[in-house]
Amino acid sequence: MPEKGEKTIGELISELTQEVRMLFRQEMELFTVEMKGKAIHVAKDAVAMGVGGVLLYSGLLVLLAAVVLGLATVMPAWGAALLVAVACIAAGIALVLKGQKDLVHLKFTPEQTAESVKETAKWAKTLKSTSSHRRTSFGSRSDIRKAI
């Protein structure tokens, strides 16, 4: 019979089960938050690449208009069109290369979750080794109750 203020083995096991469930939920929440952050990063890079592609396409159209104007007549209008085309192409190339570079260096593994799971596994191993050590080192039930 446990003394006042002491918990029974059943209560301890129940608490341990609840704590393991809470730990698992927290691990899943960490995984979810980490993966959402990575998904947002990928979305931003994809948008940058999309905008860069649109600017490249616009630049190509303006460049074609500049060529047409330059060939059709020898007037300063084609110079302005050429300048806009080059600016659009340069901006588009810069955005596409930036998005591509960022996507290549992005790691898709949930690093914080993996580290936390490793720590939990180490903790569980130490718990297992100390609990097996306790079983063999106590001589009587009263010694077990005192340890708990």
C-alpha atoms as a PDB file:
ATOM      1  CA  MET A   1       0.000   0.000   0.000  1.00  0.00           C
ATOM      2  CA  PRO A   2       1.565   3.318  -0.977  1.00  0.00           C
ATOM      3  CA  GLU A   3       2.092   5.937   1.689  1.00  0.00           C
ATOM      4  CA  LYS A   4       0.291   9.287   1.557  1.00  0.00           C
ATOM      5  CA  GLY A   5       1.599  11.506  -1.237  1.00  0.00           C
ATOM      6  CA  GLU A   6       3.130   8.580  -3.111  1.00  0.00           C
ATOM      7  CA  LYS A   7       1.732   7.393  -6.395  1.00  0.00           C
ATOM      8  CA  THR A   8       1.004   3.824  -7.329  1.00  0.00           C
ATOM      9  CA  ILE A   9       2.741   2.112 -10.216  1.00  0.00           C
ATOM     10  CA  GLY A  10      -0.504   2.279 -12.183  1.00  0.00           C
ATOM     11  CA  GLU A  11      -0.709   6.039 -11.678  1.00  0.00           C
ATOM     12  CA  LEU A  12       2.923   6.449 -12.703  1.00  0.00           C
ATOM     13  CA  ILE A  13       2.385   4.373 -15.830  1.00  0.00           C
ATOM     14  CA  SER A  14      -0.733   6.395 -16.640  1.00  0.00           C
ATOM     15  CA  GLU A  15       1.217   9.658 -16.249  1.00  0.00           C
ATOM     16  CA  LEU A  16       4.051   8.302 -18.384  1.00  0.00           C
ATOM     17  CA  THR A  17       1.577   7.315 -21.099  1.00  0.00           C
ATOM     18  CA  GLN A  18       0.011  10.767 -21.055  1.00  0.00           C
ATOM     19  CA  GLU A  19       3.415  12.446 -21.214  1.00  0.00           C
ATOM     20  CA  VAL A  20       4.503  10.239 -24.126  1.00  0.00           C
ATOM     21  CA  ARG A  21       1.306  11.146 -25.986  1.00  0.00           C
ATOM     22  CA  MET A  22       1.897  14.849 -25.290  1.00  0.00           C
ATOM     23  CA  LEU A  23       5.507  14.526 -26.434  1.00  0.00           C
ATOM     24  CA  PHE A  24       4.385  12.831 -29.657  1.00  0.00           C
ATOM     25  CA  ARG A  25       1.834  15.601 -30.290  1.00  0.00           C
ATOM     26  CA  GLN A  26       4.501  18.235 -29.709  1.00  0.00           C
ATOM     27  CA  GLU A  27       6.857  16.440 -32.113  1.00  0.00           C
ATOM     28  CA  MET A  28       4.107  16.401 -34.748  1.00  0.00           C
ATOM     29  CA  GLU A  29       3.372  20.102 -34.182  1.00  0.00           C
ATOM     30  CA  LEU A  30       7.070  20.917 -34.577  1.00  0.00           C
ATOM     31  CA  PHE A  31       7.189  18.874 -37.786  1.00  0.00           C
ATOM     32  CA  THR A  32       4.085  20.660 -39.127  1.00  0.00           C
ATOM     33  CA  VAL A  33       5.399  24.135 -38.311  1.00  0.00           C
ATOM     34  CA  GLU A  34       8.803  23.369 -39.814  1.00  0.00           C
ATOM     35  CA  MET A  35       7.368  21.941 -43.029  1.00  0.00           C
ATOM     36  CA  LYS A  36       4.935  24.872 -43.385  1.00  0.00           C
ATOM     37  CA  GLY A  37       7.896  27.255 -43.154  1.00  0.00           C
ATOM     38  CA  LYS A  38       9.725  25.346 -45.868  1.00  0.00           C
ATOM     39  CA  ALA A  39       6.608  25.280 -48.065  1.00  0.00           C
ATOM     40  CA  ILE A  40       6.243  29.056 -47.740  1.00  0.00           C
ATOM     41  CA  HIS A  41       9.891  29.470 -48.740  1.00  0.00           C
ATOM     42  CA  VAL A  42       9.376  27.261 -51.805  1.00  0.00           C
ATOM     43  CA  ALA A  43       6.240  29.216 -52.746  1.00  0.00           C
ATOM     44  CA  LYS A  44       8.101  32.535 -52.553  1.00  0.00           C
ATOM     45  CA  ASP A  45      10.905  31.215 -54.746  1.00  0.00           C
ATOM     46  CA  ALA A  46       8.404  29.805 -57.237  1.00  0.00           C
ATOM     47  CA  VAL A  47       6.651  33.185 -57.435  1.00  0.00           C
ATOM     48  CA  ALA A  48      10.006  34.908 -58.037  1.00  0.00           C
ATOM     49  CA  MET A  49      10.764  32.456 -60.828  1.00  0.00           C
ATOM     50  CA  GLY A  50       7.280  32.978 -62.293  1.00  0.00           C
ATOM     51  CA  VAL A  51       7.608  36.769 -62.241  1.00  0.00           C
ATOM     52  CA  GLY A  52      11.078  36.420 -63.741  1.00  0.00           C
ATOM     53  CA  GLY A  53       9.666  34.273 -66.533  1.00  0.00           C
ATOM     54  CA  VAL A  54       6.938  36.825 -67.270  1.00  0.00           C
ATOM     55  CA  LEU A  55       9.528  39.614 -67.388  1.00  0.00           C
ATOM     56  CA  LEU A  56      11.717  37.560 -69.717  1.00  0.00           C
ATOM     57  CA  TYR A  57       8.756  36.974 -72.018  1.00  0.00           C
ATOM     58  CA  SER A  58       7.800  40.672 -71.923  1.00  0.00           C
ATOM     59  CA  GLY A  59      11.385  41.624 -72.629  1.00  0.00           C
ATOM     60  CA  LEU A  60      11.469  39.318 -75.607  1.00  0.00           C
ATOM     61  CA  LEU A  61       8.286  40.869 -76.972  1.00  0.00           C
ATOM     62  CA  VAL A  62       9.625  44.386 -76.484  1.00  0.00           C
ATOM     63  CA  LEU A  63      12.932  43.360 -78.058  1.00  0.00           C
ATOM     64  CA  LEU A  64      11.078  42.023 -81.078  1.00  0.00           C
ATOM     65  CA  ALA A  65       9.130  45.277 -81.274  1.00  0.00           C
ATOM     66  CA  ALA A  66      12.452  47.157 -81.151  1.00  0.00           C
ATOM     67  CA  VAL A  67      13.846  45.072 -83.986  1.00  0.00           C
ATOM     68  CA  VAL A  68      10.714  45.666 -86.032  1.00  0.00           C
ATOM     69  CA  LEU A  69      10.785  49.422 -85.349  1.00  0.00           C
ATOM     70  CA  GLY A  70      14.509  49.594 -86.034  1.00  0.00           C
ATOM     71  CA  LEU A  71      14.177  47.843 -89.339  1.00  0.00           C
ATOM     72  CA  ALA A  72      11.020  49.686 -90.395  1.00  0.00           C
ATOM     73  CA  THR A  73      12.395  53.146 -89.899  1.00  0.00           C
ATOM     74  CA  VAL A  74      15.512  54.775 -88.691  1.00  0.00           C
ATOM     75  CA  MET A  75      14.036  56.698 -85.738  1.00  0.00           C
ATOM     76  CA  PRO A  76      14.846  57.053 -82.029  1.00  0.00           C
ATOM     77  CA  ALA A  77      11.721  55.056 -80.990  1.00  0.00           C
ATOM     78  CA  TRP A  78      13.512  51.778 -81.494  1.00  0.00           C
ATOM     79  CA  GLY A  79      16.279  52.877 -79.084  1.00  0.00           C
ATOM     80  CA  ALA A  80      13.763  53.351 -76.304  1.00  0.00           C
ATOM     81  CA  ALA A  81      12.135  50.012 -77.035  1.00  0.00           C
ATOM     82  CA  LEU A  82      15.555  48.352 -77.034  1.00  0.00           C
ATOM     83  CA  LEU A  83      16.431  49.909 -73.679  1.00  0.00           C
ATOM     84  CA  VAL A  84      13.167  48.682 -72.078  1.00  0.00           C
ATOM     85  CA  ALA A  85      13.680  45.220 -73.527  1.00  0.00           C
ATOM     86  CA  VAL A  86      17.198  44.935 -72.142  1.00  0.00           C
ATOM     87  CA  ALA A  87      16.043  46.143 -68.706  1.00  0.00           C
ATOM     88  CA  CYS A  88      13.176  43.593 -68.614  1.00  0.00           C
ATOM     89  CA  ILE A  89      15.439  40.764 -69.705  1.00  0.00           C
ATOM     90  CA  ALA A  90      18.095  41.662 -67.126  1.00  0.00           C
ATOM     91  CA  ALA A  91      15.521  41.824 -64.309  1.00  0.00           C
ATOM     92  CA  GLY A  92      13.937  38.561 -65.425  1.00  0.00           C
ATOM     93  CA  ILE A  93      17.267  36.752 -65.554  1.00  0.00           C
ATOM     94  CA  ALA A  94      18.182  38.052 -62.099  1.00  0.00           C
ATOM     95  CA  LEU A  95      14.891  36.843 -60.569  1.00  0.00           C
ATOM     96  CA  VAL A  96      14.990  33.423 -62.218  1.00  0.00           C
ATOM     97  CA  LEU A  97      18.610  32.834 -61.153  1.00  0.00           C
ATOM     98  CA  LYS A  98      17.883  33.978 -57.572  1.00  0.00           C
ATOM     99  CA  GLY A  99      14.875  31.667 -57.255  1.00  0.00           C
ATOM    100  CA  GLN A 100      16.777  28.760 -58.768  1.00  0.00           C
ATOM    101  CA  LYS A 101      19.760  29.296 -56.455  1.00  0.00           C
ATOM    102  CA  ASP A 102      17.542  29.480 -53.369  1.00  0.00           C
ATOM    103  CA  LEU A 103      15.676  26.287 -54.315  1.00  0.00           C
ATOM    104  CA  VAL A 104      18.906  24.362 -54.896  1.00  0.00           C
ATOM    105  CA  HIS A 105      20.223  25.254 -51.419  1.00  0.00           C
ATOM    106  CA  LEU A 106      16.951  24.575 -49.589  1.00  0.00           C
ATOM    107  CA  LYS A 107      16.983  21.429 -47.460  1.00  0.00           C
ATOM    108  CA  PHE A 108      13.651  19.606 -47.347  1.00  0.00           C
ATOM    109  CA  THR A 109      14.437  17.552 -44.266  1.00  0.00           C
ATOM    110  CA  PRO A 110      12.742  18.625 -41.022  1.00  0.00           C
ATOM    111  CA  GLU A 111      16.013  19.218 -39.127  1.00  0.00           C
ATOM    112  CA  GLN A 112      14.553  20.467 -35.839  1.00  0.00           C
ATOM    113  CA  THR A 113      12.106  17.578 -35.658  1.00  0.00           C
ATOM    114  CA  ALA A 114      14.848  15.032 -36.397  1.00  0.00           C
ATOM    115  CA  GLU A 115      17.059  16.503 -33.675  1.00  0.00           C
ATOM    116  CA  SER A 116      14.205  16.494 -31.181  1.00  0.00           C
ATOM    117  CA  VAL A 117      13.362  12.850 -31.993  1.00  0.00           C
ATOM    118  CA  LYS A 118      17.021  11.891 -31.466  1.00  0.00           C
ATOM    119  CA  GLU A 119      17.001  13.593 -28.069  1.00  0.00           C
ATOM    120  CA  THR A 120      13.779  11.818 -27.139  1.00  0.00           C
ATOM    121  CA  ALA A 121      15.252   8.467 -28.173  1.00  0.00           C
ATOM    122  CA  LYS A 122      18.342   9.094 -26.018  1.00  0.00           C
ATOM    123  CA  TRP A 123      16.112  10.045 -23.102  1.00  0.00           C
ATOM    124  CA  ALA A 124      14.022   6.892 -23.559  1.00  0.00           C
ATOM    125  CA  LYS A 125      17.168   4.731 -23.616  1.00  0.00           C
ATOM    126  CA  THR A 126      18.430   6.265 -20.395  1.00  0.00           C
ATOM    127  CA  LEU A 127      14.991   5.800 -18.839  1.00  0.00           C
ATOM    128  CA  LYS A 128      14.967   2.159 -19.902  1.00  0.00           C
ATOM    129  CA  SER A 129      18.444   1.502 -18.546  1.00  0.00           C
ATOM    130  CA  THR A 130      17.699   3.188 -15.204  1.00  0.00           C
ATOM    131  CA  SER A 131      14.396   1.363 -14.805  1.00  0.00           C
ATOM    132  CA  SER A 132      16.008  -2.038 -15.462  1.00  0.00           C
ATOM    133  CA  HIS A 133      18.773  -1.115 -13.024  1.00  0.00           C
ATOM    134  CA  ARG A 134      16.189  -0.219 -10.369  1.00  0.00           C
ATOM    135  CA  ARG A 135      14.446  -3.572 -10.686  1.00  0.00           C
ATOM    136  CA  THR A 136      17.579  -5.524  -9.921  1.00  0.00           C
ATOM    137  CA  SER A 137      18.942  -3.275  -7.173  1.00  0.00           C
ATOM    138  CA  PHE A 138      15.988  -3.203  -4.754  1.00  0.00           C
ATOM    139  CA  GLY A 139      15.538  -5.877  -2.188  1.00  0.00           C
ATOM    140  CA  SER A 140      11.990  -5.302  -1.002  1.00  0.00           C
ATOM    141  CA  ARG A 141       8.716  -3.618  -1.908  1.00  0.00           C
ATOM    142  CA  SER A 142       9.320  -0.843   0.585  1.00  0.00           C
ATOM    143  CA  ASP A 143      12.611  -0.015  -1.179  1.00  0.00           C
ATOM    144  CA  ILE A 144      10.733   0.222  -4.489  1.00  0.00           C
ATOM    145  CA  ARG A 145       8.082   2.525  -2.962  1.00  0.00           C
ATOM    146  CA  LYS A 146      10.769   4.811  -1.549  1.00  0.00           C
ATOM    147  CA  ALA A 147      12.456   5.056  -4.952  1.00  0.00           C
ATOM    148  CA  ILE A 148       9.201   5.904  -6.704  1.00  0.00           C
END
